[in-house]
């Protein structure tokens, strides 16, 4: 089971696993866009507060992508950090 949660009413954040996001993206003819961040990352918080709530950003992202948010210091069940060599935050994976 998965959920989609809007960020400030704009960008829809997919709440599910990476395999679920891939399946959803395939069924909707979209691409997965994963924002990899940490709970302590100031630039990550800035993007979440200032960029993702913009209506034009939400319209663009929601039309083309299944947006997945990972805070890898909280949990990284899909081993995103290790698999993709993420060491700078935020990192965006397509």
C-alpha atoms as a PDB file:
ATOM      1  CA  UNK A   1       0.000   0.000   0.000  1.00  0.00           C
ATOM      2  CA  UNK A   2       1.208   3.498  -0.719  1.00  0.00           C
ATOM      3  CA  UNK A   3       0.060   7.058  -0.227  1.00  0.00           C
ATOM      4  CA  UNK A   4       0.586  10.312  -2.055  1.00  0.00           C
ATOM      5  CA  UNK A   5       0.990  13.334   0.165  1.00  0.00           C
ATOM      6  CA  UNK A   6       1.024  16.872  -1.231  1.00  0.00           C
ATOM      7  CA  UNK A   7       3.768  19.194   0.014  1.00  0.00           C
ATOM      8  CA  UNK A   8       2.079  22.516   0.786  1.00  0.00           C
ATOM      9  CA  UNK A   9      -0.603  21.533  -1.708  1.00  0.00           C
ATOM     10  CA  UNK A  10       1.747  21.418  -4.689  1.00  0.00           C
ATOM     11  CA  UNK A  11       4.274  18.645  -5.376  1.00  0.00           C
ATOM     12  CA  UNK A  12       2.746  15.263  -4.631  1.00  0.00           C
ATOM     13  CA  UNK A  13       5.129  13.093  -2.609  1.00  0.00           C
ATOM     14  CA  UNK A  14       4.760   9.369  -3.164  1.00  0.00           C
ATOM     15  CA  UNK A  15       4.885   7.511   0.150  1.00  0.00           C
ATOM     16  CA  UNK A  16       5.888   4.003  -0.718  1.00  0.00           C
ATOM     17  CA  UNK A  17       8.875   1.911  -1.632  1.00  0.00           C
ATOM     18  CA  UNK A  18      11.109   2.400  -4.628  1.00  0.00           C
ATOM     19  CA  UNK A  19       9.660  -0.701  -6.382  1.00  0.00           C
ATOM     20  CA  UNK A  20       6.127   0.647  -5.798  1.00  0.00           C
ATOM     21  CA  UNK A  21       7.130   4.042  -7.192  1.00  0.00           C
ATOM     22  CA  UNK A  22       8.621   2.386 -10.279  1.00  0.00           C
ATOM     23  CA  UNK A  23       5.431   0.372 -10.828  1.00  0.00           C
ATOM     24  CA  UNK A  24       3.272   3.484 -10.436  1.00  0.00           C
ATOM     25  CA  UNK A  25       5.485   5.464 -12.801  1.00  0.00           C
ATOM     26  CA  UNK A  26       5.296   2.720 -15.441  1.00  0.00           C
ATOM     27  CA  UNK A  27       1.508   2.536 -15.165  1.00  0.00           C
ATOM     28  CA  UNK A  28       1.237   6.332 -15.589  1.00  0.00           C
ATOM     29  CA  UNK A  29       3.953   6.635 -18.263  1.00  0.00           C
ATOM     30  CA  UNK A  30       6.080   8.791 -15.943  1.00  0.00           C
ATOM     31  CA  UNK A  31       9.616   8.732 -14.535  1.00  0.00           C
ATOM     32  CA  UNK A  32      10.542   8.358 -10.878  1.00  0.00           C
ATOM     33  CA  UNK A  33      12.210  11.455  -9.422  1.00  0.00           C
ATOM     34  CA  UNK A  34      13.755  10.735  -6.023  1.00  0.00           C
ATOM     35  CA  UNK A  35      14.960  13.511  -3.743  1.00  0.00           C
ATOM     36  CA  UNK A  36      17.595  12.029  -1.436  1.00  0.00           C
ATOM     37  CA  UNK A  37      18.175  14.115   1.669  1.00  0.00           C
ATOM     38  CA  UNK A  38      18.755  13.985   5.398  1.00  0.00           C
ATOM     39  CA  UNK A  39      16.836  15.432   8.323  1.00  0.00           C
ATOM     40  CA  UNK A  40      19.725  17.816   9.114  1.00  0.00           C
ATOM     41  CA  UNK A  41      20.362  19.142   5.578  1.00  0.00           C
ATOM     42  CA  UNK A  42      19.709  22.913   5.421  1.00  0.00           C
ATOM     43  CA  UNK A  43      19.600  23.120   1.581  1.00  0.00           C
ATOM     44  CA  UNK A  44      17.149  20.181   1.557  1.00  0.00           C
ATOM     45  CA  UNK A  45      14.880  22.011   3.986  1.00  0.00           C
ATOM     46  CA  UNK A  46      15.120  25.155   1.886  1.00  0.00           C
ATOM     47  CA  UNK A  47      14.054  23.319  -1.281  1.00  0.00           C
ATOM     48  CA  UNK A  48      11.127  21.751   0.607  1.00  0.00           C
ATOM     49  CA  UNK A  49      10.033  25.116   1.994  1.00  0.00           C
ATOM     50  CA  UNK A  50      10.696  27.454  -0.939  1.00  0.00           C
ATOM     51  CA  UNK A  51      10.718  25.483  -4.201  1.00  0.00           C
ATOM     52  CA  UNK A  52       8.375  22.508  -3.907  1.00  0.00           C
ATOM     53  CA  UNK A  53       5.379  24.626  -2.810  1.00  0.00           C
ATOM     54  CA  UNK A  54       5.505  26.779  -5.956  1.00  0.00           C
ATOM     55  CA  UNK A  55       2.443  26.058  -8.134  1.00  0.00           C
ATOM     56  CA  UNK A  56       4.487  25.938 -11.358  1.00  0.00           C
ATOM     57  CA  UNK A  57       6.935  23.452  -9.837  1.00  0.00           C
ATOM     58  CA  UNK A  58       4.083  21.240  -8.633  1.00  0.00           C
ATOM     59  CA  UNK A  59       2.349  21.319 -12.012  1.00  0.00           C
ATOM     60  CA  UNK A  60       5.546  20.392 -13.837  1.00  0.00           C
ATOM     61  CA  UNK A  61       6.710  17.642 -11.474  1.00  0.00           C
ATOM     62  CA  UNK A  62       3.278  16.078 -10.946  1.00  0.00           C
ATOM     63  CA  UNK A  63       2.676  15.859 -14.705  1.00  0.00           C
ATOM     64  CA  UNK A  64       5.968  14.112 -15.498  1.00  0.00           C
ATOM     65  CA  UNK A  65       7.209  12.331 -12.377  1.00  0.00           C
ATOM     66  CA  UNK A  66       6.364  10.159  -9.426  1.00  0.00           C
ATOM     67  CA  UNK A  67       8.170  12.166  -6.747  1.00  0.00           C
ATOM     68  CA  UNK A  68       9.796  10.094  -4.023  1.00  0.00           C
ATOM     69  CA  UNK A  69      11.444  11.605  -0.963  1.00  0.00           C
ATOM     70  CA  UNK A  70      14.149   9.750   0.962  1.00  0.00           C
ATOM     71  CA  UNK A  71      15.623  10.964   4.231  1.00  0.00           C
ATOM     72  CA  UNK A  72      18.389   8.423   4.377  1.00  0.00           C
ATOM     73  CA  UNK A  73      19.534   9.173   7.899  1.00  0.00           C
ATOM     74  CA  UNK A  74      16.075   8.094   9.111  1.00  0.00           C
ATOM     75  CA  UNK A  75      15.955   4.861   7.076  1.00  0.00           C
ATOM     76  CA  UNK A  76      17.381   3.591   3.807  1.00  0.00           C
ATOM     77  CA  UNK A  77      15.649   0.253   3.176  1.00  0.00           C
ATOM     78  CA  UNK A  78      16.431   0.347  -0.545  1.00  0.00           C
ATOM     79  CA  UNK A  79      20.124   1.110   0.098  1.00  0.00           C
ATOM     80  CA  UNK A  80      19.902   4.229  -2.075  1.00  0.00           C
ATOM     81  CA  UNK A  81      23.006   5.807  -0.530  1.00  0.00           C
ATOM     82  CA  UNK A  82      25.120   2.705  -1.078  1.00  0.00           C
ATOM     83  CA  UNK A  83      23.712   1.712  -4.477  1.00  0.00           C
ATOM     84  CA  UNK A  84      24.011   5.143  -6.087  1.00  0.00           C
ATOM     85  CA  UNK A  85      26.978   6.508  -4.113  1.00  0.00           C
ATOM     86  CA  UNK A  86      25.029   9.425  -2.677  1.00  0.00           C
ATOM     87  CA  UNK A  87      27.224  11.608  -0.453  1.00  0.00           C
ATOM     88  CA  UNK A  88      25.945  15.141  -1.158  1.00  0.00           C
ATOM     89  CA  UNK A  89      22.536  16.420  -0.163  1.00  0.00           C
ATOM     90  CA  UNK A  90      20.136  16.972  -1.691  1.00  0.00           C
ATOM     91  CA  UNK A  91      20.743  14.557  -4.539  1.00  0.00           C
ATOM     92  CA  UNK A  92      18.092  13.966  -7.192  1.00  0.00           C
ATOM     93  CA  UNK A  93      17.885  10.598  -8.923  1.00  0.00           C
ATOM     94  CA  UNK A  94      15.834   9.899 -12.059  1.00  0.00           C
END
